[in-house]
Structures are given as C-alpha cells and as structure tokens.
Amino acid sequence: MAVATQMFSGNMKKALSGLRRINLEGLRWRVFDAKGQVLGRLASQVATVIQGKDKPTYTPYREDGDMCIVLNAKDICVTGRKLTNKFYRWHTGYVGHLKERSLKDQMVKDPTEVIRKAVLRMLPRNKLRDDRDRKLRIFTGGEHPFGDRPLEPYEMPPRQVREMRPRARRALIRAQKKAEQSRMTASPMSSNKEDNRA
C-alpha cells in the first residue's frame, strides 16, 4: 500500500483539530486503507488499535491507543442490502422531528461519518471515549496531511470465508451436473443433424 505524501487539498483545520489535546509522544501512526474493505470488519480493527488492545500493555482504564488514519473512505463496502436498508436516525429536539438518512445517502453526503459512527459505536461508553475519538482521522480520498509522521501501514487480517452449507453445496453440484448433461445432449444432436445433411 502506497502512503500518500502529496500535498493535502482538503480541510486542514478539520484534519488537525484536537491534535494539541493528545500527547503524541511515543504514539504509532497506523494507516488503514478502506478501499474494498467491509465496513464492520474495518471498524472493529480500527477500534482495537485505538483502544490499544493489540498491545501487551493494555489496561482498560488507561489511554494507550495509537493514532489511526483511515484513507479512501468513499470506497468502503457493505454486505447484503445495508446500503438501502440501514438508516441513521437522530432527533432535533422539536416535536415530531425524528430525522433519518439511509447509508446510501450518507455515503453521498459524507462517507467519513459512516466510518466514524461505526468505530465509535464499537468503543466502550466511558470517559476515555472522547480522547479515542480524537485519535481517529478519516479522509475521503487517498491523501492526508500527516506525511511528515512515521506512518505504518496496517495489514488487515485475511478474511475467513465460511464453506457453503451442505444443502446449498449439493444444490450447486446438482445444477452443475444438470447444465453439463444438457450440454452433452445438445452436442450429439447437433452432430447428428450435420451428418444427416452430408
């Protein structure tokens, strides 16, 4: 994975906000590439790194997590029908003003917020949550303003794909055999017609 070192053209104020509140000494800067990744699987890995659970020195009451930079947020994937069936809901405070937005509309409006919500909802609801939120930096494209930092690309663990269920596997084998038999019966018929013409 190539780390972006070109000039950052996004909102610099938003990208650097809250960095002064974080003690950056001794922190590792981990870079996640969201291109083609499944939303929940990426979010769980980011949440683990932000909490510091991947370190042997992890303690639940101390903030030991690393800085996480997520790139290419616009290219995140979801499984199933979540793009149209998943909704983000919030209330404005006025009577009857329950607002909702589908995942598809949210991806068009601001794809970084989709990943931020997924990660934050995986973190424990305690006093460390705001500090952990500040350590998460998400960018829509592949460029970011932290090229001068010692960046480490994060390798996502390989996805364990479950084998097909036995009934589905048998149905697939039956369908393949049926297609093969129909091909075999169609090919002798065509050769017989050619022989009859000659």
Protein backbone atom coordinates (compact mmCIF):
# COMPACT_ATOMS: atom_id res chain seq x y z
CA MET A 1 0.00 0.00 0.00
CA ALA A 2 1.46 3.33 -1.05
CA VAL A 3 1.40 6.03 1.60
CA ALA A 4 0.24 9.41 0.34
CA THR A 5 2.95 12.07 0.51
CA GLN A 6 1.49 14.62 -1.92
CA MET A 7 0.11 17.96 -0.81
CA PHE A 8 -3.18 17.72 1.12
CA SER A 9 -6.00 19.62 -0.60
CA GLY A 10 -8.79 19.02 1.96
CA ASN A 11 -9.91 20.99 5.02
CA MET A 12 -6.68 21.40 7.01
CA LYS A 13 -8.44 22.87 10.06
CA LYS A 14 -10.71 19.84 10.36
CA ALA A 15 -7.85 17.41 9.75
CA LEU A 16 -5.65 18.87 12.51
CA SER A 17 -8.38 19.74 15.04
CA GLY A 18 -7.84 18.44 18.57
CA LEU A 19 -4.25 17.27 18.00
CA ARG A 20 -2.94 19.61 20.70
CA ARG A 21 -5.03 17.79 23.32
CA ILE A 22 -3.33 14.48 22.52
CA ASN A 23 0.06 13.51 23.92
CA LEU A 24 1.68 12.41 20.65
CA GLU A 25 4.92 11.26 22.27
CA GLY A 26 5.52 7.56 21.73
CA LEU A 27 2.39 7.05 19.62
CA ARG A 28 2.45 4.93 16.49
CA TRP A 29 0.68 6.29 13.41
CA ARG A 30 -1.26 3.44 11.78
CA VAL A 31 -2.66 3.87 8.26
CA PHE A 32 -5.75 1.88 7.22
CA ASP A 33 -6.77 1.67 3.56
CA ALA A 34 -10.57 1.34 3.38
CA LYS A 35 -10.65 0.61 -0.35
CA GLY A 36 -12.75 -2.51 -0.88
CA GLN A 37 -12.93 -3.29 2.86
CA VAL A 38 -16.16 -4.33 4.58
CA LEU A 39 -17.33 -1.54 6.91
CA GLY A 40 -17.81 -3.53 10.12
CA ARG A 41 -14.63 -5.57 9.75
CA LEU A 42 -12.54 -2.44 9.19
CA ALA A 43 -14.24 -0.63 12.08
CA SER A 44 -13.54 -3.47 14.52
CA GLN A 45 -9.83 -3.45 13.62
CA VAL A 46 -9.65 0.34 14.00
CA ALA A 47 -11.46 0.17 17.36
CA THR A 48 -8.96 -2.44 18.59
CA VAL A 49 -5.96 -0.28 17.63
CA ILE A 50 -7.49 2.93 19.06
CA GLN A 51 -8.06 1.25 22.43
CA GLY A 52 -4.58 -0.25 22.42
CA LYS A 53 -5.90 -3.80 22.70
CA ASP A 54 -3.28 -5.01 20.24
CA LYS A 55 -0.51 -4.17 22.75
CA PRO A 56 0.61 -6.36 25.64
CA THR A 57 0.45 -3.31 27.95
CA TYR A 58 -3.30 -2.82 27.52
CA THR A 59 -5.25 -1.77 30.60
CA PRO A 60 -8.92 -0.76 30.38
CA TYR A 61 -8.62 2.43 32.44
CA ARG A 62 -5.59 3.92 30.60
CA GLU A 63 -5.44 5.55 27.20
CA ASP A 64 -2.70 3.64 25.35
CA GLY A 65 -4.11 3.50 21.82
CA ASP A 66 -2.36 4.63 18.64
CA MET A 67 -3.28 7.27 16.08
CA CYS A 68 -5.40 5.80 13.27
CA ILE A 69 -5.56 7.32 9.79
CA VAL A 70 -8.25 5.85 7.53
CA LEU A 71 -7.90 6.60 3.81
CA ASN A 72 -10.30 6.14 0.87
CA ALA A 73 -13.46 6.28 2.98
CA LYS A 74 -15.57 6.74 -0.15
CA ASP A 75 -14.59 3.24 -1.38
CA ILE A 76 -15.85 1.30 1.65
CA CYS A 77 -18.10 -1.73 1.00
CA VAL A 78 -21.07 -3.15 2.87
CA THR A 79 -22.59 -6.61 2.60
CA GLY A 80 -26.19 -7.55 1.92
CA ARG A 81 -28.80 -4.83 1.44
CA LYS A 82 -27.44 -2.45 4.07
CA LEU A 83 -26.87 0.30 1.52
CA THR A 84 -30.63 0.86 1.24
CA ASN A 85 -31.96 -0.80 4.42
CA LYS A 86 -29.62 0.69 7.07
CA PHE A 87 -30.72 4.05 8.48
CA TYR A 88 -29.06 6.62 10.72
CA ARG A 89 -31.67 8.29 12.95
CA TRP A 90 -31.46 11.39 15.15
CA HIS A 91 -33.91 13.74 16.82
CA THR A 92 -33.73 17.53 16.53
CA GLY A 93 -35.49 18.14 19.85
CA TYR A 94 -38.68 19.50 18.30
CA VAL A 95 -41.91 17.51 18.48
CA GLY A 96 -42.17 15.02 15.65
CA HIS A 97 -38.73 15.82 14.26
CA LEU A 98 -37.21 12.34 14.12
CA LYS A 99 -34.86 12.55 11.13
CA GLU A 100 -33.38 9.61 9.27
CA ARG A 101 -30.89 9.13 6.45
CA SER A 102 -30.06 5.89 4.63
CA LEU A 103 -26.49 4.63 4.38
CA LYS A 104 -26.52 5.32 0.64
CA ASP A 105 -27.45 8.99 1.18
CA GLN A 106 -24.90 9.33 4.00
CA MET A 107 -22.15 7.96 1.73
CA VAL A 108 -23.01 10.66 -0.81
CA LYS A 109 -23.14 13.41 1.84
CA ASP A 110 -20.12 12.49 4.00
CA PRO A 111 -18.56 9.00 3.83
CA THR A 112 -16.15 9.77 6.69
CA GLU A 113 -19.06 9.97 9.13
CA VAL A 114 -20.13 6.41 8.28
CA ILE A 115 -16.77 5.01 9.41
CA ARG A 116 -16.60 7.33 12.43
CA LYS A 117 -20.01 6.20 13.70
CA ALA A 118 -19.16 2.53 13.10
CA VAL A 119 -15.92 2.83 15.10
CA LEU A 120 -17.32 4.97 17.93
CA ARG A 121 -20.25 2.62 18.46
CA MET A 122 -17.74 -0.20 18.99
CA LEU A 123 -15.91 1.68 21.75
CA PRO A 124 -16.97 1.48 25.40
CA ARG A 125 -19.06 4.42 26.61
CA ASN A 126 -16.72 5.91 29.22
CA LYS A 127 -14.54 8.97 29.87
CA LEU A 128 -11.80 7.78 27.50
CA ARG A 129 -14.12 7.78 24.52
CA ASP A 130 -13.55 11.44 23.54
CA ASP A 131 -9.77 11.02 23.62
CA ARG A 132 -10.06 7.93 21.46
CA ASP A 133 -12.26 9.83 19.01
CA ARG A 134 -9.56 12.48 18.65
CA LYS A 135 -7.05 9.79 17.67
CA LEU A 136 -9.18 8.77 14.69
CA ARG A 137 -8.55 10.69 11.45
CA ILE A 138 -10.65 9.73 8.42
CA PHE A 139 -10.15 11.05 4.89
CA THR A 140 -12.38 10.61 1.85
CA GLY A 141 -9.54 10.19 -0.64
CA GLY A 142 -6.02 8.80 -0.55
CA GLU A 143 -4.23 11.96 0.59
CA HIS A 144 -3.65 13.23 4.13
CA PRO A 145 -1.57 15.97 5.85
CA PHE A 146 0.48 13.62 8.07
CA GLY A 147 3.22 12.74 5.58
CA ASP A 148 5.93 14.00 7.96
CA ARG A 149 4.97 11.44 10.66
CA PRO A 150 6.41 7.91 10.91
CA LEU A 151 3.49 6.09 9.30
CA GLU A 152 2.93 2.33 9.49
CA PRO A 153 0.50 0.72 7.03
CA TYR A 154 -1.88 -1.65 8.82
CA GLU A 155 -2.31 -5.08 7.23
CA MET A 156 -5.87 -6.32 7.59
CA PRO A 157 -6.05 -9.97 8.69
CA PRO A 158 -7.21 -12.36 5.95
CA ARG A 159 -10.93 -12.86 5.90
CA GLN A 160 -12.11 -16.34 6.86
CA VAL A 161 -14.75 -17.27 4.30
CA ARG A 162 -17.04 -20.00 5.56
CA GLU A 163 -17.60 -23.01 3.35
CA MET A 164 -21.00 -23.45 1.78
CA ARG A 165 -23.65 -25.18 3.81
CA PRO A 166 -24.11 -28.84 2.80
CA ARG A 167 -27.60 -28.36 1.35
CA ALA A 168 -26.52 -25.37 -0.74
CA ARG A 169 -23.40 -27.25 -1.90
CA ARG A 170 -25.49 -30.23 -3.01
CA ALA A 171 -27.87 -27.91 -4.88
CA LEU A 172 -24.93 -26.25 -6.64
CA ILE A 173 -23.46 -29.65 -7.65
CA ARG A 174 -26.88 -30.78 -8.96
CA ALA A 175 -27.21 -27.60 -11.02
CA GLN A 176 -23.71 -28.04 -12.47
CA LYS A 177 -24.44 -31.69 -13.41
CA LYS A 178 -27.73 -30.71 -14.99
CA ALA A 179 -26.06 -27.97 -17.06
CA GLU A 180 -23.35 -30.42 -18.14
CA GLN A 181 -25.92 -33.05 -19.15
CA SER A 182 -27.91 -30.52 -21.17
CA ARG A 183 -24.70 -29.52 -22.97
CA MET A 184 -23.85 -33.16 -23.67
CA THR A 185 -27.32 -33.93 -25.05
CA ALA A 186 -27.28 -30.77 -27.18
CA SER A 187 -23.89 -31.50 -28.76
CA PRO A 188 -24.73 -35.05 -30.14
CA MET A 189 -27.99 -33.71 -31.56
CA SER A 190 -26.14 -31.01 -33.50
CA SER A 191 -23.58 -33.53 -34.79
CA ASN A 192 -26.39 -35.87 -35.93
CA LYS A 193 -28.02 -33.05 -37.87
CA GLU A 194 -24.72 -32.28 -39.60
CA ASP A 195 -24.29 -35.99 -40.53
CA ASN A 196 -27.81 -36.12 -41.97
CA ARG A 197 -27.15 -33.05 -44.13
CA ALA A 198 -23.98 -34.59 -45.60
